Amino acid sequence: QVQLVESGGGLVQAGGSLRVSCEVSGSISSSYAISWFRQAPGKEREFVGYMNWWGGSRSYSAAVEGRFTISRDNAKSTVYLQMTSLKSEDTAIYYCAASPTALDLHAAARFPEKYMYWGQGTQVTVSS
């Protein structure tokens, strides 16, 4: 079992920055993959970014490429999503998700149904 707990969401002005965290616990191995998704009111859950647990591969959606960065702190077993140049359309609940196996970062990684474990989400609101 793997547990994921997000934190760090909040209200930020457009153009600002925010970092959300995903604390990972349980039986996780180097084969795992961690991704961030988001869901805005009335919309489907949307892929944001992906990282292999060993940190070697990352990919991002076109909507956030160049603005968002995924990183990991091994000592804290925490994955971060650093968000910069935030826009009002970034407003959503942000979720981290884990898959027991690495996924094709250009295909399968972008589908929520490929992930076995999910956190409860953290709200990010960008005011314009």
Foldseek 3Di string as FASTA:
>chain_A
DKAWAKDWADEAAAQAKTKIKIAIDDDADQFKKKFKWWDDPPDDIWGAKIARSVGPDMDGDPVQPPFWDWDADVVRNMIMIIGGNHDQVVWTWMKMFMANHDDDRVPPVTDPVRTDYIYPTDTHGYHD
